[in-house]
Protein backbone atom coordinates (compact mmCIF):
# COMPACT_ATOMS: atom_id res chain seq x y z
CA MET A 1 -35.96 52.87 -45.97
CA LEU A 2 -37.38 56.35 -45.42
CA GLU A 3 -38.72 55.34 -42.02
CA THR A 4 -35.23 54.28 -40.95
CA VAL A 5 -33.83 57.66 -42.00
CA VAL A 6 -36.54 59.45 -40.01
CA ILE A 7 -35.76 57.33 -36.94
CA VAL A 8 -32.03 58.10 -37.19
CA VAL A 9 -32.69 61.85 -37.58
CA HIS A 10 -35.13 61.67 -34.67
CA LEU A 11 -32.58 60.05 -32.37
CA LEU A 12 -29.79 62.43 -33.38
CA ALA A 13 -32.05 65.44 -32.82
CA ALA A 14 -33.08 64.12 -29.40
CA ILE A 15 -29.49 63.59 -28.30
CA ALA A 16 -28.46 67.01 -29.64
CA VAL A 17 -31.34 68.79 -27.87
CA VAL A 18 -30.43 67.14 -24.57
CA GLY A 19 -26.77 68.07 -25.02
CA LEU A 20 -27.52 71.68 -25.94
CA VAL A 21 -29.89 72.14 -23.03
CA LEU A 22 -27.22 70.85 -20.66
CA ILE A 23 -24.58 73.18 -22.15
CA GLN A 24 -26.66 76.35 -21.85
CA GLN A 25 -26.31 78.57 -18.82
CA GLY A 26 -29.21 79.47 -16.62
CA LYS A 27 -30.70 82.96 -16.50
CA GLY A 28 -28.93 83.64 -13.20
CA ALA A 29 -25.53 83.35 -14.89
CA ASP A 30 -26.05 86.69 -16.69
CA THR A 31 -25.48 88.69 -13.52
CA GLY A 32 -21.89 87.50 -13.32
CA ALA A 33 -21.23 88.81 -16.82
CA SER A 34 -22.27 92.32 -15.81
CA PHE A 35 -19.58 92.44 -13.09
CA GLY A 36 -16.74 91.81 -15.52
CA SER A 37 -16.46 88.09 -15.90
CA GLY A 38 -14.85 88.53 -19.31
CA SER A 39 -17.75 87.44 -21.50
CA SER A 40 -16.68 89.82 -24.28
CA ALA A 41 -13.70 87.57 -25.02
CA THR A 42 -15.85 84.54 -25.84
CA VAL A 43 -15.98 82.71 -29.14
CA PHE A 44 -19.55 83.83 -29.82
CA GLY A 45 -18.96 87.56 -29.28
CA SER A 46 -19.92 90.01 -26.58
CA GLN A 47 -23.53 88.77 -26.35
CA GLY A 48 -22.30 85.35 -25.39
CA SER A 49 -23.44 82.00 -26.59
CA GLY A 50 -26.97 82.37 -25.28
CA THR A 51 -28.66 83.48 -28.48
CA PHE A 52 -26.69 81.10 -30.71
CA LEU A 53 -27.36 78.06 -28.54
CA SER A 54 -30.99 79.08 -28.06
CA ARG A 55 -31.55 79.28 -31.80
CA VAL A 56 -29.85 75.94 -32.48
CA THR A 57 -31.87 74.35 -29.69
CA ALA A 58 -35.10 75.75 -31.12
CA ILE A 59 -34.24 74.47 -34.61
CA LEU A 60 -33.39 71.00 -33.29
CA ALA A 61 -36.55 70.94 -31.18
CA THR A 62 -38.55 71.73 -34.33
CA VAL A 63 -36.78 68.92 -36.20
CA PHE A 64 -37.54 66.58 -33.28
CA PHE A 65 -41.21 67.61 -33.35
CA LEU A 66 -41.51 67.09 -37.10
CA THR A 67 -39.84 63.68 -37.00
CA SER A 68 -42.19 62.72 -34.16
CA LEU A 69 -45.14 63.58 -36.38
CA GLY A 70 -43.57 61.63 -39.24
CA LEU A 71 -43.10 58.54 -37.10
CA ALA A 72 -46.69 58.80 -35.87
CA TYR A 73 -47.83 58.92 -39.50
CA TYR A 74 -45.79 55.81 -40.34
CA ALA A 75 -47.22 53.99 -37.31
CA LYS A 76 -50.76 54.88 -38.40
CA GLN A 77 -50.08 53.61 -41.91
CA LYS A 78 -48.71 50.32 -40.61
CA ALA A 79 -51.72 49.88 -38.33
CA GLY A 80 -54.06 50.50 -41.27
CA LEU A 81 -52.20 48.04 -43.46
CA SER A 82 -52.37 45.28 -40.85
CA GLY A 83 -56.17 45.62 -40.82
CA GLU A 84 -56.33 45.53 -44.60
CA GLU A 85 -54.19 42.41 -44.83
CA GLY A 86 -56.83 40.38 -43.07
CA LEU A 87 -55.16 40.11 -39.71
CA PRO A 88 -57.80 39.54 -37.04
CA SER A 89 -58.63 42.18 -34.50
CA ALA A 90 -58.35 41.57 -30.76
CA ALA A 91 -62.15 41.24 -30.42
CA LEU A 92 -62.27 38.55 -33.11
CA LEU A 93 -59.45 36.60 -31.45
CA GLU A 94 -61.27 36.78 -28.11
CA GLN A 95 -64.50 35.55 -29.68
CA GLN A 96 -62.70 32.64 -31.34
CA ALA A 97 -61.10 31.71 -28.01
CA GLU A 98 -64.51 31.69 -26.31
CA GLN A 99 -65.98 29.51 -29.04
CA ALA A 100 -63.09 27.08 -28.77
CA ALA A 101 -63.61 26.84 -25.01
CA GLU A 102 -67.33 26.04 -25.48
CA LEU A 103 -66.74 23.21 -27.96
CA PRO A 104 -66.19 19.75 -26.53
CA GLU A 105 -62.67 18.56 -27.04
CA LEU A 106 -62.31 15.84 -29.58
CA LYS A 107 -59.72 13.35 -28.49
CA GLU A 108 -58.82 11.12 -31.33
CA ALA A 109 -55.82 8.91 -31.51
CA PRO A 110 -53.26 10.57 -33.72
CA LYS A 111 -52.51 8.86 -36.96
CA SER A 112 -48.96 7.93 -37.70
CA VAL A 113 -47.51 9.54 -40.77
CA ASP A 114 -44.89 6.89 -41.19
CA GLU A 115 -45.57 3.22 -40.50
CA ASP A 116 -42.17 2.73 -38.83
CA VAL A 117 -42.59 5.64 -36.37
CA PRO A 118 -45.28 5.09 -33.72
CA ALA A 119 -47.69 7.92 -32.94
CA ILE A 120 -47.68 9.57 -29.52
CA PRO A 121 -51.08 9.14 -27.87
CA VAL A 122 -52.99 12.16 -26.53
CA GLU A 123 -53.87 12.03 -22.85
């Protein structure tokens, strides 16, 4: 449940950071404001939206970073639990496959479970 919440917050923060970065003006846009482009009549005041958007972007980037660390922690915990539950490692699976290849194949006729249904022979 908590992992799902972290994933949702992570995705929303990522989308918001991308959107805010695209909205912000480049550093070259400040020269136009000095020649009377009317930036004092903006919603964010005479300094413009640069500082406000920069702060919001920094906060969202921090949230994105923290949720990334949280998701990495959850992934590590899941990986540790899979080893504790007795699931075989990749090396063990490879060793078992090699042992199975070395053993001669036993070809027995399959036994029918039901007398009325004939068994399918193995080639």
